[in-house]
Amino acid sequence: MERQARVLVVDDEERIRRLLRMYLERENFVIEEAEDGENALEMAVVNDYDVILLDLMLPGIDGIEVCQQLREQKATPVIMLTAKGEEANRVQGFESGADDYVVKPFSPREVVYRVKALLRRSSATAFLTTPNSAHNVLVFPELSIDHDAHRVLVNGEEVSLTPKEYELLYYLARNPDRVFSREDLLKDVWHYEFFGDLRTVDTHIKRLREKLNKISAVAANMIATVWGIGYKLEVPK
């Protein structure tokens, strides 16, 4: 029997939590709720959720701070809910480690779609393939990426990445030694057009390097900065 995905809905408005619960439970998700940042963070750290729907504006610590603290401990996929659609707030959400965002007022059906899309590419659902399935694996010195399983190994040790960190690494790895601008990466990895602040790419690159560097400096240094242009995955000669 297929396991039901667990979703944590975090919002200080009961009406929104009730609406999201109703639509998500129709799709067979198991829903838990939190109405403030402190409680949400405690629940997110203690439990293993498949997706967290996280409101930006919360009493106590806000959604940005919750996401930042969570990212220090876990790679749980996060969709930010925000009434602020301005680019700066969107970038701030991505920089804190969010994987996607939805602007209020939103369609509940859109939220369900975003949750399902994130689950499909999430490292939290990594092992849905059978052991005998044909694997799409990219192999580099001290780094391998099993795309069928959304699994990254550095010197044989698995690295826990957020869905967006994984997508960024895989995108670079599919095109080794090719340079991509920040604009290219935002368009192709985040699927959003940004004008102005491109720091969200830099933040994710930095976080990705730090995680790889904990095991192998060689793997971390493969993610190379091309000054004035962008980034590439540079294969050691």
C-alpha atoms as a PDB file:
ATOM      1  CA  MET A   1       0.000   0.000   0.000  1.00  0.00           C
ATOM      2  CA  GLU A   2       1.386   3.388  -1.013  1.00  0.00           C
ATOM      3  CA  ARG A   3       2.464   5.610   1.877  1.00  0.00           C
ATOM      4  CA  GLN A   4       0.460   8.802   2.345  1.00  0.00           C
ATOM      5  CA  ALA A   5       2.576  11.952   2.097  1.00  0.00           C
ATOM      6  CA  ARG A   6       2.630  14.160   5.213  1.00  0.00           C
ATOM      7  CA  VAL A   7       2.188  17.905   4.787  1.00  0.00           C
ATOM      8  CA  LEU A   8       2.651  20.530   7.502  1.00  0.00           C
ATOM      9  CA  VAL A   9       0.461  23.608   6.902  1.00  0.00           C
ATOM     10  CA  VAL A  10       1.744  26.692   8.723  1.00  0.00           C
ATOM     11  CA  ASP A  11      -0.448  29.814   8.747  1.00  0.00           C
ATOM     12  CA  ASP A  12      -1.812  32.051  11.500  1.00  0.00           C
ATOM     13  CA  GLU A  13      -5.216  32.244   9.782  1.00  0.00           C
ATOM     14  CA  GLU A  14      -7.439  29.291  10.668  1.00  0.00           C
ATOM     15  CA  ARG A  15      -9.543  29.898   7.547  1.00  0.00           C
ATOM     16  CA  ILE A  16      -6.520  29.323   5.287  1.00  0.00           C
ATOM     17  CA  ARG A  17      -5.370  26.259   7.195  1.00  0.00           C
ATOM     18  CA  ARG A  18      -8.867  24.771   7.000  1.00  0.00           C
ATOM     19  CA  LEU A  19      -9.119  25.486   3.262  1.00  0.00           C
ATOM     20  CA  LEU A  20      -5.744  23.904   2.487  1.00  0.00           C
ATOM     21  CA  ARG A  21      -6.492  20.917   4.699  1.00  0.00           C
ATOM     22  CA  MET A  22      -9.767  20.290   2.870  1.00  0.00           C
ATOM     23  CA  TYR A  23      -8.192  20.336  -0.598  1.00  0.00           C
ATOM     24  CA  LEU A  24      -5.064  18.386   0.361  1.00  0.00           C
ATOM     25  CA  GLU A  25      -6.978  15.676   2.236  1.00  0.00           C
ATOM     26  CA  ARG A  26      -9.082  15.147  -0.880  1.00  0.00           C
ATOM     27  CA  GLU A  27      -5.824  14.152  -2.562  1.00  0.00           C
ATOM     28  CA  ASN A  28      -5.034  11.666   0.218  1.00  0.00           C
ATOM     29  CA  PHE A  29      -2.379  13.754   2.001  1.00  0.00           C
ATOM     30  CA  VAL A  30      -1.995  13.539   5.780  1.00  0.00           C
ATOM     31  CA  ILE A  31      -2.203  17.091   7.150  1.00  0.00           C
ATOM     32  CA  GLU A  32      -0.828  18.608  10.340  1.00  0.00           C
ATOM     33  CA  GLU A  33      -1.090  22.288  11.276  1.00  0.00           C
ATOM     34  CA  ALA A  34       0.813  25.016  13.098  1.00  0.00           C
ATOM     35  CA  GLU A  35      -0.274  28.617  13.614  1.00  0.00           C
ATOM     36  CA  ASP A  36       2.992  30.274  14.653  1.00  0.00           C
ATOM     37  CA  GLY A  37       6.680  30.115  13.781  1.00  0.00           C
ATOM     38  CA  GLU A  38       7.991  28.608  17.021  1.00  0.00           C
ATOM     39  CA  ASN A  39       5.564  25.692  16.982  1.00  0.00           C
ATOM     40  CA  ALA A  40       6.107  25.157  13.246  1.00  0.00           C
ATOM     41  CA  LEU A  41       9.870  24.957  13.638  1.00  0.00           C
ATOM     42  CA  GLU A  42       9.628  22.524  16.545  1.00  0.00           C
ATOM     43  CA  MET A  43       7.244  20.268  14.602  1.00  0.00           C
ATOM     44  CA  ALA A  44       9.337  20.462  11.419  1.00  0.00           C
ATOM     45  CA  VAL A  45      12.534  19.463  13.217  1.00  0.00           C
ATOM     46  CA  VAL A  46      11.004  16.613  15.232  1.00  0.00           C
ATOM     47  CA  ASN A  47       8.887  15.126  12.415  1.00  0.00           C
ATOM     48  CA  ASP A  48       9.715  14.056   8.868  1.00  0.00           C
ATOM     49  CA  TYR A  49       7.268  15.852   6.610  1.00  0.00           C
ATOM     50  CA  ASP A  50       7.237  15.415   2.847  1.00  0.00           C
ATOM     51  CA  VAL A  51       6.345  19.079   2.222  1.00  0.00           C
ATOM     52  CA  ILE A  52       5.875  22.161   4.408  1.00  0.00           C
ATOM     53  CA  LEU A  53       3.503  24.951   3.341  1.00  0.00           C
ATOM     54  CA  LEU A  54       4.915  27.932   5.231  1.00  0.00           C
ATOM     55  CA  ASP A  55       3.335  31.383   5.524  1.00  0.00           C
ATOM     56  CA  LEU A  56       5.837  34.243   5.333  1.00  0.00           C
ATOM     57  CA  MET A  57       4.103  36.527   7.851  1.00  0.00           C
ATOM     58  CA  LEU A  58       3.760  34.669  11.163  1.00  0.00           C
ATOM     59  CA  PRO A  59       3.518  35.800  14.785  1.00  0.00           C
ATOM     60  CA  GLY A  60       6.756  35.333  16.710  1.00  0.00           C
ATOM     61  CA  ILE A  61       9.447  34.257  14.281  1.00  0.00           C
ATOM     62  CA  ASP A  62       8.404  34.719  10.653  1.00  0.00           C
ATOM     63  CA  GLY A  63       8.511  32.199   7.819  1.00  0.00           C
ATOM     64  CA  ILE A  64      11.909  33.382   6.588  1.00  0.00           C
ATOM     65  CA  GLU A  65      13.498  32.713   9.984  1.00  0.00           C
ATOM     66  CA  VAL A  66      11.710  29.364  10.307  1.00  0.00           C
ATOM     67  CA  CYS A  67      13.033  28.296   6.912  1.00  0.00           C
ATOM     68  CA  GLN A  68      16.569  29.473   7.657  1.00  0.00           C
ATOM     69  CA  GLN A  69      16.703  27.602  10.966  1.00  0.00           C
ATOM     70  CA  LEU A  70      15.139  24.500   9.442  1.00  0.00           C
ATOM     71  CA  ARG A  71      17.740  24.470   6.662  1.00  0.00           C
ATOM     72  CA  GLU A  72      20.494  24.222   9.274  1.00  0.00           C
ATOM     73  CA  GLN A  73      19.109  20.813  10.242  1.00  0.00           C
ATOM     74  CA  LYS A  74      16.904  19.338   7.500  1.00  0.00           C
ATOM     75  CA  ALA A  75      16.248  19.411   3.756  1.00  0.00           C
ATOM     76  CA  THR A  76      12.452  19.142   3.940  1.00  0.00           C
ATOM     77  CA  PRO A  77      10.852  20.718   0.833  1.00  0.00           C
ATOM     78  CA  VAL A  78       9.246  24.099   1.598  1.00  0.00           C
ATOM     79  CA  ILE A  79       6.646  26.084  -0.338  1.00  0.00           C
ATOM     80  CA  MET A  80       6.376  29.663   0.932  1.00  0.00           C
ATOM     81  CA  LEU A  81       2.926  31.241   1.185  1.00  0.00           C
ATOM     82  CA  THR A  82       3.026  35.016   0.989  1.00  0.00           C
ATOM     83  CA  ALA A  83       0.717  37.947   0.451  1.00  0.00           C
ATOM     84  CA  LYS A  84       3.707  39.844  -0.871  1.00  0.00           C
ATOM     85  CA  GLY A  85       4.293  39.215  -4.537  1.00  0.00           C
ATOM     86  CA  GLU A  86       7.119  41.698  -4.977  1.00  0.00           C
ATOM     87  CA  GLU A  87      10.380  40.371  -6.357  1.00  0.00           C
ATOM     88  CA  ALA A  88      12.388  41.259  -3.235  1.00  0.00           C
ATOM     89  CA  ASN A  89      10.170  39.101  -1.014  1.00  0.00           C
ATOM     90  CA  ARG A  90      10.270  36.262  -3.523  1.00  0.00           C
ATOM     91  CA  VAL A  91      14.065  36.393  -3.621  1.00  0.00           C
ATOM     92  CA  GLN A  92      14.225  36.561   0.174  1.00  0.00           C
ATOM     93  CA  GLY A  93      12.139  33.408   0.381  1.00  0.00           C
ATOM     94  CA  PHE A  94      14.405  31.538  -2.041  1.00  0.00           C
ATOM     95  CA  GLU A  95      17.517  32.775  -0.235  1.00  0.00           C
ATOM     96  CA  SER A  96      16.201  31.376   3.048  1.00  0.00           C
ATOM     97  CA  GLY A  97      15.991  27.944   1.400  1.00  0.00           C
ATOM     98  CA  ALA A  98      12.409  27.759   0.109  1.00  0.00           C
ATOM     99  CA  ASP A  99      11.856  25.594  -2.968  1.00  0.00           C
ATOM    100  CA  ASP A 100       8.785  27.346  -4.353  1.00  0.00           C
ATOM    101  CA  TYR A 101       6.323  30.079  -3.463  1.00  0.00           C
ATOM    102  CA  VAL A 102       2.623  30.842  -3.887  1.00  0.00           C
ATOM    103  CA  VAL A 103       1.227  34.374  -3.654  1.00  0.00           C
ATOM    104  CA  LYS A 104      -1.989  35.057  -1.732  1.00  0.00           C
ATOM    105  CA  PRO A 105      -4.797  35.129  -2.696  1.00  0.00           C
ATOM    106  CA  PHE A 106      -4.178  31.742  -4.265  1.00  0.00           C
ATOM    107  CA  SER A 107      -6.183  28.966  -5.837  1.00  0.00           C
ATOM    108  CA  PRO A 108      -6.195  25.897  -3.546  1.00  0.00           C
ATOM    109  CA  ARG A 109      -5.953  23.746  -6.666  1.00  0.00           C
ATOM    110  CA  GLU A 110      -2.732  25.540  -7.613  1.00  0.00           C
ATOM    111  CA  VAL A 111      -1.297  24.800  -4.174  1.00  0.00           C
ATOM    112  CA  VAL A 112      -2.175  21.112  -4.559  1.00  0.00           C
ATOM    113  CA  TYR A 113      -0.488  21.129  -7.983  1.00  0.00           C
ATOM    114  CA  ARG A 114       2.642  22.757  -6.545  1.00  0.00           C
ATOM    115  CA  VAL A 115       2.789  20.215  -3.712  1.00  0.00           C
ATOM    116  CA  LYS A 116       2.510  17.306  -6.135  1.00  0.00           C
ATOM    117  CA  ALA A 117       5.138  18.805  -8.455  1.00  0.00           C
ATOM    118  CA  LEU A 118       7.537  19.295  -5.566  1.00  0.00           C
ATOM    119  CA  LEU A 119       6.992  15.749  -4.331  1.00  0.00           C
ATOM    120  CA  ARG A 120       7.797  14.374  -7.768  1.00  0.00           C
ATOM    121  CA  ARG A 121      11.219  15.972  -7.764  1.00  0.00           C
ATOM    122  CA  SER A 122      11.869  15.859  -4.046  1.00  0.00           C
ATOM    123  CA  SER A 123      14.796  14.099  -2.405  1.00  0.00           C
ATOM    124  CA  ALA A 124      12.331  13.196   0.363  1.00  0.00           C
ATOM    125  CA  THR A 125      10.717  10.718  -2.057  1.00  0.00           C
ATOM    126  CA  ALA A 126      14.033   9.471  -3.325  1.00  0.00           C
ATOM    127  CA  PHE A 127      13.548   5.736  -3.459  1.00  0.00           C
ATOM    128  CA  LEU A 128      10.410   5.203  -5.493  1.00  0.00           C
ATOM    129  CA  THR A 129      12.221   3.219  -8.183  1.00  0.00           C
ATOM    130  CA  THR A 130      12.819  -0.511  -7.964  1.00  0.00           C
ATOM    131  CA  PRO A 131      16.329  -1.857  -7.413  1.00  0.00           C
ATOM    132  CA  ASN A 132      16.293  -3.408 -10.891  1.00  0.00           C
ATOM    133  CA  SER A 133      15.212  -0.278 -12.759  1.00  0.00           C
ATOM    134  CA  ALA A 134      17.597   1.297 -15.249  1.00  0.00           C
ATOM    135  CA  HIS A 135      19.269   4.200 -13.492  1.00  0.00           C
ATOM    136  CA  ASN A 136      20.227   7.497 -15.063  1.00  0.00           C
ATOM    137  CA  VAL A 137      23.531   8.121 -13.266  1.00  0.00           C
ATOM    138  CA  LEU A 138      26.059  10.888 -13.816  1.00  0.00           C
ATOM    139  CA  VAL A 139      29.523   9.972 -12.537  1.00  0.00           C
ATOM    140  CA  PHE A 140      32.388  12.394 -11.855  1.00  0.00           C
ATOM    141  CA  PRO A 141      35.516  12.208  -9.690  1.00  0.00           C
ATOM    142  CA  GLU A 142      34.282  11.818  -6.084  1.00  0.00           C
ATOM    143  CA  LEU A 143      30.713  12.746  -7.125  1.00  0.00           C
ATOM    144  CA  SER A 144      27.835  10.719  -8.573  1.00  0.00           C
ATOM    145  CA  ILE A 145      24.211  11.704  -9.184  1.00  0.00           C
ATOM    146  CA  ASP A 146      21.543   9.016  -9.535  1.00  0.00           C
ATOM    147  CA  HIS A 147      18.736  10.988 -11.131  1.00  0.00           C
ATOM    148  CA  ASP A 148      16.160   8.191 -11.026  1.00  0.00           C
ATOM    149  CA  ALA A 149      16.534   8.093  -7.237  1.00  0.00           C
ATOM    150  CA  HIS A 150      17.320  11.803  -6.767  1.00  0.00           C
ATOM    151  CA  ARG A 151      20.389  10.656  -4.864  1.00  0.00           C
ATOM    152  CA  VAL A 152      23.764  12.390  -4.630  1.00  0.00           C
ATOM    153  CA  LEU A 153      26.830  10.522  -3.404  1.00  0.00           C
ATOM    154  CA  VAL A 154      30.160  12.121  -2.570  1.00  0.00           C
ATOM    155  CA  ASN A 155      32.914   9.544  -2.050  1.00  0.00           C
ATOM    156  CA  GLY A 156      30.157   6.992  -1.489  1.00  0.00           C
ATOM    157  CA  GLU A 157      28.438   9.046   1.204  1.00  0.00           C
ATOM    158  CA  GLU A 158      24.925  10.336   0.553  1.00  0.00           C
ATOM    159  CA  VAL A 159      24.410  14.103   0.718  1.00  0.00           C
ATOM    160  CA  SER A 160      21.060  15.497   1.849  1.00  0.00           C
ATOM    161  CA  LEU A 161      19.984  18.264  -0.536  1.00  0.00           C
ATOM    162  CA  THR A 162      16.804  20.303  -0.830  1.00  0.00           C
ATOM    163  CA  PRO A 163      14.894  19.785  -4.088  1.00  0.00           C
ATOM    164  CA  LYS A 164      16.152  23.110  -5.437  1.00  0.00           C
ATOM    165  CA  GLU A 165      19.771  22.386  -4.473  1.00  0.00           C
ATOM    166  CA  TYR A 166      19.478  19.015  -6.190  1.00  0.00           C
ATOM    167  CA  GLU A 167      17.942  20.522  -9.337  1.00  0.00           C
ATOM    168  CA  LEU A 168      20.675  23.148  -9.514  1.00  0.00           C
ATOM    169  CA  LEU A 169      23.455  20.565  -9.161  1.00  0.00           C
ATOM    170  CA  TYR A 170      21.858  18.204 -11.666  1.00  0.00           C
ATOM    171  CA  TYR A 171      21.326  20.986 -14.187  1.00  0.00           C
ATOM    172  CA  LEU A 172      25.005  21.954 -14.032  1.00  0.00           C
ATOM    173  CA  ALA A 173      26.117  18.320 -14.079  1.00  0.00           C
ATOM    174  CA  ARG A 174      24.112  17.508 -17.205  1.00  0.00           C
ATOM    175  CA  ASN A 175      26.148  20.168 -18.991  1.00  0.00           C
ATOM    176  CA  PRO A 176      29.695  19.831 -17.621  1.00  0.00           C
ATOM    177  CA  ASP A 177      32.117  22.656 -18.390  1.00  0.00           C
ATOM    178  CA  ARG A 178      29.332  24.780 -19.867  1.00  0.00           C
ATOM    179  CA  VAL A 179      28.960  28.220 -18.286  1.00  0.00           C
ATOM    180  CA  PHE A 180      25.479  29.405 -17.267  1.00  0.00           C
ATOM    181  CA  SER A 181      24.587  32.946 -16.296  1.00  0.00           C
ATOM    182  CA  ARG A 182      22.546  33.592 -13.160  1.00  0.00           C
ATOM    183  CA  GLU A 183      19.670  34.619 -15.423  1.00  0.00           C
ATOM    184  CA  ASP A 184      19.877  31.262 -17.244  1.00  0.00           C
ATOM    185  CA  LEU A 185      19.806  29.346 -13.974  1.00  0.00           C
ATOM    186  CA  LEU A 186      16.884  31.318 -12.571  1.00  0.00           C
ATOM    187  CA  LYS A 187      14.891  30.750 -15.748  1.00  0.00           C
ATOM    188  CA  ASP A 188      15.709  27.056 -16.199  1.00  0.00           C
ATOM    189  CA  VAL A 189      15.986  25.845 -12.580  1.00  0.00           C
ATOM    190  CA  TRP A 190      13.566  28.151 -10.765  1.00  0.00           C
ATOM    191  CA  HIS A 191      11.288  28.667 -13.783  1.00  0.00           C
ATOM    192  CA  TYR A 192      10.892  32.326 -12.960  1.00  0.00           C
ATOM    193  CA  GLU A 193      12.057  35.441 -14.756  1.00  0.00           C
ATOM    194  CA  PHE A 194      13.961  37.754 -12.429  1.00  0.00           C
ATOM    195  CA  PHE A 195      14.993  41.301 -13.120  1.00  0.00           C
ATOM    196  CA  GLY A 196      17.500  42.848 -10.754  1.00  0.00           C
ATOM    197  CA  ASP A 197      18.486  40.887  -7.646  1.00  0.00           C
ATOM    198  CA  LEU A 198      20.102  37.569  -8.597  1.00  0.00           C
ATOM    199  CA  ARG A 199      21.425  36.689  -5.132  1.00  0.00           C
ATOM    200  CA  THR A 200      19.185  33.652  -4.761  1.00  0.00           C
ATOM    201  CA  VAL A 201      21.445  31.735  -7.200  1.00  0.00           C
ATOM    202  CA  ASP A 202      24.580  32.763  -5.292  1.00  0.00           C
ATOM    203  CA  THR A 203      22.992  31.681  -2.005  1.00  0.00           C
ATOM    204  CA  HIS A 204      22.087  28.238  -3.322  1.00  0.00           C
ATOM    205  CA  ILE A 205      25.519  27.760  -4.907  1.00  0.00           C
ATOM    206  CA  LYS A 206      27.156  28.661  -1.588  1.00  0.00           C
ATOM    207  CA  ARG A 207      24.938  26.251   0.347  1.00  0.00           C
ATOM    208  CA  LEU A 208      25.536  23.487  -2.199  1.00  0.00           C
ATOM    209  CA  ARG A 209      29.325  23.921  -2.019  1.00  0.00           C
ATOM    210  CA  GLU A 210      29.252  23.862   1.774  1.00  0.00           C
ATOM    211  CA  LYS A 211      27.354  20.563   1.836  1.00  0.00           C
ATOM    212  CA  LEU A 212      29.676  18.919  -0.696  1.00  0.00           C
ATOM    213  CA  ASN A 213      32.778  20.329   1.011  1.00  0.00           C
ATOM    214  CA  LYS A 214      31.899  18.583   4.278  1.00  0.00           C
ATOM    215  CA  ILE A 215      32.869  15.346   2.509  1.00  0.00           C
ATOM    216  CA  SER A 216      35.084  16.329  -0.412  1.00  0.00           C
ATOM    217  CA  ALA A 217      36.790  19.589  -1.371  1.00  0.00           C
ATOM    218  CA  VAL A 218      37.278  18.137  -4.852  1.00  0.00           C
ATOM    219  CA  ALA A 219      33.518  17.733  -5.351  1.00  0.00           C
ATOM    220  CA  ALA A 220      32.799  21.188  -3.913  1.00  0.00           C
ATOM    221  CA  ASN A 221      35.393  22.880  -6.105  1.00  0.00           C
ATOM    222  CA  MET A 222      33.849  21.372  -9.230  1.00  0.00           C
ATOM    223  CA  ILE A 223      31.146  24.038  -8.907  1.00  0.00           C
ATOM    224  CA  ALA A 224      33.207  26.840 -10.365  1.00  0.00           C
ATOM    225  CA  THR A 225      32.506  30.564 -10.501  1.00  0.00           C
ATOM    226  CA  VAL A 226      33.207  32.214 -13.843  1.00  0.00           C
ATOM    227  CA  TRP A 227      33.626  35.808 -12.805  1.00  0.00           C
ATOM    228  CA  GLY A 228      31.353  38.275 -14.541  1.00  0.00           C
ATOM    229  CA  ILE A 229      29.318  35.490 -16.175  1.00  0.00           C
ATOM    230  CA  GLY A 230      27.981  32.819 -13.824  1.00  0.00           C
ATOM    231  CA  TYR A 231      28.688  29.213 -12.845  1.00  0.00           C
ATOM    232  CA  LYS A 232      29.638  25.854 -14.306  1.00  0.00           C
ATOM    233  CA  LEU A 233      30.420  22.321 -13.179  1.00  0.00           C
ATOM    234  CA  GLU A 234      34.098  21.949 -13.995  1.00  0.00           C
ATOM    235  CA  VAL A 235      35.320  18.399 -14.405  1.00  0.00           C
ATOM    236  CA  PRO A 236      38.887  17.834 -13.089  1.00  0.00           C
ATOM    237  CA  LYS A 237      41.298  16.929 -15.877  1.00  0.00           C
END
